[in-house]
Protein backbone atom coordinates (compact mmCIF):
# COMPACT_ATOMS: atom_id res chain seq x y z
CA MET A 1 0.00 0.00 0.00
CA ASN A 2 1.14 3.50 -0.73
CA GLN A 3 0.89 5.51 2.47
CA PRO A 4 2.74 8.76 3.08
CA ASN A 5 5.35 9.03 5.75
CA LEU A 6 3.59 11.09 8.41
CA GLU A 7 6.69 11.67 10.53
CA LYS A 8 7.98 14.16 8.01
CA LEU A 9 4.69 16.09 8.06
CA VAL A 10 4.39 16.31 11.83
CA ASN A 11 7.90 17.67 12.29
CA LYS A 12 7.15 20.61 9.99
CA LEU A 13 4.42 22.07 12.20
CA ARG A 14 5.37 25.62 13.13
CA TYR A 15 3.51 25.76 16.43
CA ASN A 16 3.42 23.59 19.51
CA VAL A 17 0.36 21.41 19.90
CA LYS A 18 -0.73 21.85 23.51
CA PRO A 19 -2.91 19.42 25.41
CA ARG A 20 -6.58 20.32 25.42
CA ARG A 21 -7.03 20.62 29.18
CA LYS A 22 -4.74 21.54 32.00
CA PHE A 23 -6.17 21.07 35.45
CA ARG A 24 -3.62 21.74 38.09
CA ASN A 25 -4.33 20.83 41.65
CA PRO A 26 -1.98 21.25 44.59
CA GLU A 27 -3.05 17.85 45.89
CA GLY A 28 -2.13 16.14 42.62
CA SER A 29 -4.28 13.72 40.70
CA GLU A 30 -6.15 12.61 43.83
CA GLY A 31 -7.26 16.18 44.47
CA ARG A 32 -8.31 16.52 40.84
CA LEU A 33 -10.44 13.37 41.08
CA LEU A 34 -11.98 14.61 44.34
CA LYS A 35 -12.99 17.88 42.62
CA PHE A 36 -14.66 15.94 39.80
CA ARG A 37 -16.40 13.69 42.32
CA LYS A 38 -17.77 16.77 44.08
CA THR A 39 -18.88 18.25 40.76
CA LEU A 40 -20.61 15.04 39.69
CA THR A 41 -22.32 14.66 43.08
CA ALA A 42 -23.55 18.26 43.00
CA LEU A 43 -24.86 17.83 39.44
CA ILE A 44 -26.86 14.76 40.38
CA LYS A 45 -28.13 16.52 43.50
CA TYR A 46 -29.09 19.92 42.02
CA GLU A 47 -29.38 18.95 38.31
CA ARG A 48 -27.88 22.31 37.22
CA LEU A 49 -24.51 23.85 38.03
CA GLU A 50 -22.61 26.96 37.08
CA LEU A 51 -18.87 26.35 36.86
CA ASN A 52 -15.78 26.96 34.77
CA TYR A 53 -16.16 25.79 31.17
CA PRO A 54 -13.22 23.31 31.03
CA ARG A 55 -14.31 21.63 34.27
CA GLY A 56 -17.90 21.41 33.04
CA ASP A 57 -16.79 20.00 29.71
CA GLU A 58 -14.83 17.20 31.33
CA ALA A 59 -17.36 16.51 34.10
CA ARG A 60 -20.03 16.14 31.44
CA GLY A 61 -18.32 13.04 30.06
CA TYR A 62 -18.11 11.43 33.50
CA VAL A 63 -21.80 12.09 34.21
CA ASP A 64 -22.93 10.77 30.84
CA GLN A 65 -20.84 7.63 31.26
CA LEU A 66 -22.15 6.99 34.79
CA ILE A 67 -25.79 7.37 33.72
CA PHE A 68 -25.23 5.25 30.61
CA GLU A 69 -23.72 2.44 32.67
CA ALA A 70 -26.58 2.69 35.20
CA ILE A 71 -29.12 2.38 32.38
CA ARG A 72 -27.24 -0.42 30.66
CA HIS A 73 -26.53 -2.68 33.65
CA GLY A 74 -28.89 -1.56 36.44
CA PRO A 75 -28.34 -1.57 40.20
CA MET A 76 -27.68 -5.31 40.49
CA HIS A 77 -24.44 -5.13 38.49
CA LYS A 78 -21.47 -5.05 40.90
CA GLU A 79 -19.12 -2.98 38.73
CA THR A 80 -21.81 -0.37 38.07
CA MET A 81 -22.58 -0.08 41.78
CA ASP A 82 -18.87 0.24 42.58
CA MET A 83 -18.54 2.98 39.99
CA ALA A 84 -21.61 4.80 41.35
CA ASN A 85 -20.29 4.50 44.92
CA PHE A 86 -16.93 5.90 43.84
CA TRP A 87 -18.21 8.91 41.87
CA ILE A 88 -21.16 9.87 44.08
CA ILE A 89 -20.00 11.11 47.48
CA GLU A 90 -23.46 11.40 49.10
CA LYS A 91 -24.74 7.83 49.13
CA GLN A 92 -28.46 8.73 49.15
CA LEU A 93 -27.94 10.12 45.64
CA VAL A 94 -27.09 6.62 44.38
CA HIS A 95 -30.78 5.84 44.91
CA LYS A 96 -31.71 8.97 42.94
CA LEU A 97 -29.46 7.78 40.12
CA PHE A 98 -31.21 4.42 39.80
CA LYS A 99 -34.79 5.37 40.80
CA VAL A 100 -35.15 8.82 39.19
CA LEU A 101 -32.52 9.40 36.52
CA VAL A 102 -32.43 5.95 34.93
CA PRO A 103 -36.22 5.90 34.21
CA ARG A 104 -36.02 9.49 32.93
CA TYR A 105 -33.20 8.78 30.47
CA GLN A 106 -34.00 5.20 29.57
CA TYR A 107 -35.19 6.01 26.05
CA TYR A 108 -32.89 8.96 25.29
CA THR A 109 -30.83 8.75 22.12
CA THR A 110 -28.81 11.91 22.81
CA SER A 111 -26.54 12.87 25.68
CA PHE A 112 -28.06 13.21 29.13
CA THR A 113 -26.48 16.60 29.82
CA LYS A 114 -26.39 20.05 28.24
CA LEU A 115 -23.49 22.46 28.44
CA HIS A 116 -24.21 26.14 27.86
CA LYS A 117 -21.71 28.99 27.74
CA ALA A 118 -22.47 31.57 30.41
CA PRO A 119 -21.40 35.21 30.63
CA ASN A 120 -18.09 35.86 32.35
CA ILE A 121 -17.96 37.42 35.79
CA TYR A 122 -16.85 41.01 35.13
CA PRO A 123 -13.90 41.78 37.43
CA ILE A 124 -12.41 38.32 36.99
CA GLY A 125 -13.43 38.05 33.34
CA HIS A 126 -10.65 35.74 32.16
CA TYR A 127 -12.43 32.50 33.14
CA GLU A 128 -14.94 31.03 30.71
CA ARG A 129 -18.10 30.16 32.59
CA ALA A 130 -20.60 27.44 31.74
CA ILE A 131 -23.89 26.01 32.90
CA LEU A 132 -23.95 22.23 33.06
CA GLU A 133 -27.38 20.68 33.48
CA LEU A 134 -29.15 17.36 33.23
CA ARG A 135 -31.75 17.26 30.47
CA GLY A 136 -35.37 17.22 31.55
CA ASN A 137 -34.74 18.93 34.88
CA MET A 138 -37.39 20.93 36.72
CA TYR A 139 -35.84 24.37 36.15
CA PRO A 140 -36.82 26.80 33.39
CA SER A 141 -34.81 26.46 30.23
CA VAL A 142 -31.55 28.38 29.89
CA GLU A 143 -31.97 28.58 26.13
CA GLN A 144 -34.20 31.25 24.70
CA TYR A 145 -35.46 29.71 21.51
CA ASN A 146 -37.09 32.73 19.87
CA PRO A 147 -36.18 36.06 21.45
CA HIS A 148 -38.48 37.90 19.00
CA GLU A 149 -41.64 36.12 20.14
CA ARG A 150 -44.37 38.69 20.84
CA ASN A 151 -45.68 37.20 24.08
CA LEU A 152 -42.41 37.35 26.01
CA LEU A 153 -42.56 39.84 28.86
CA HIS A 154 -39.78 42.12 27.67
CA ASN A 155 -41.34 42.32 24.19
CA LEU A 156 -44.75 43.24 25.64
CA LEU A 157 -43.17 45.98 27.74
CA LEU A 158 -41.22 47.33 24.78
CA ASP A 159 -44.35 47.34 22.60
CA ALA A 160 -46.27 49.27 25.28
CA ALA A 161 -43.43 51.79 25.60
CA LYS A 162 -43.31 52.25 21.80
CA LYS A 163 -47.06 52.77 21.66
CA GLU A 164 -46.93 55.36 24.46
CA TYR A 165 -44.04 57.17 22.76
CA ARG A 166 -45.89 57.27 19.44
CA MET A 167 -49.05 58.64 21.09
CA GLU A 168 -47.01 61.48 22.63
CA LYS A 169 -45.41 62.26 19.27
CA TYR A 170 -48.83 62.25 17.53
CA LYS A 171 -50.17 64.69 20.14
CA GLU A 172 -47.16 66.98 19.57
CA ILE A 173 -47.66 66.87 15.80
CA ALA A 174 -51.40 67.57 16.22
CA ASN A 175 -50.67 70.54 18.49
CA ASN A 176 -48.10 71.90 15.99
CA ILE A 177 -50.62 71.63 13.13
CA LYS A 178 -53.33 73.50 15.09
CA GLN A 179 -50.98 76.40 15.76
């Protein structure tokens, strides 16, 4: 087979290829895992979190994998239970995983989580923020599907203000014509 020699191509790159994520933790890899365990536990508990974008992006994969394994094998599978006990710090949430989340996501064909970019916090604006949530949660949607819909509150208020402004202008024009 005629395949090109890729070693020659890779050496000619003019910039360094950096790893995608860098999570430094003073406690090392154990501290990093503990942070992700806390994030995963909080997401299962509250079903919506606001956090830094890289952490949310990586935690999303762990949550999706845990829920997928729980759906696939169920609570009687020893490895799945060990994995759930490792990742979920508060043990009462293991019951929520199997009794609430598994029936909710049993027939999903997409991921079980959504990751939205959030606005940065102003004085410390160099961190990308994100909202990580489980699909089908009880909170109102973060996404605004059609911001130009007439029945949204801000659009009703703007329409009323425009109407009031026009009425004032019409009165001014009418007064100017009479004089």
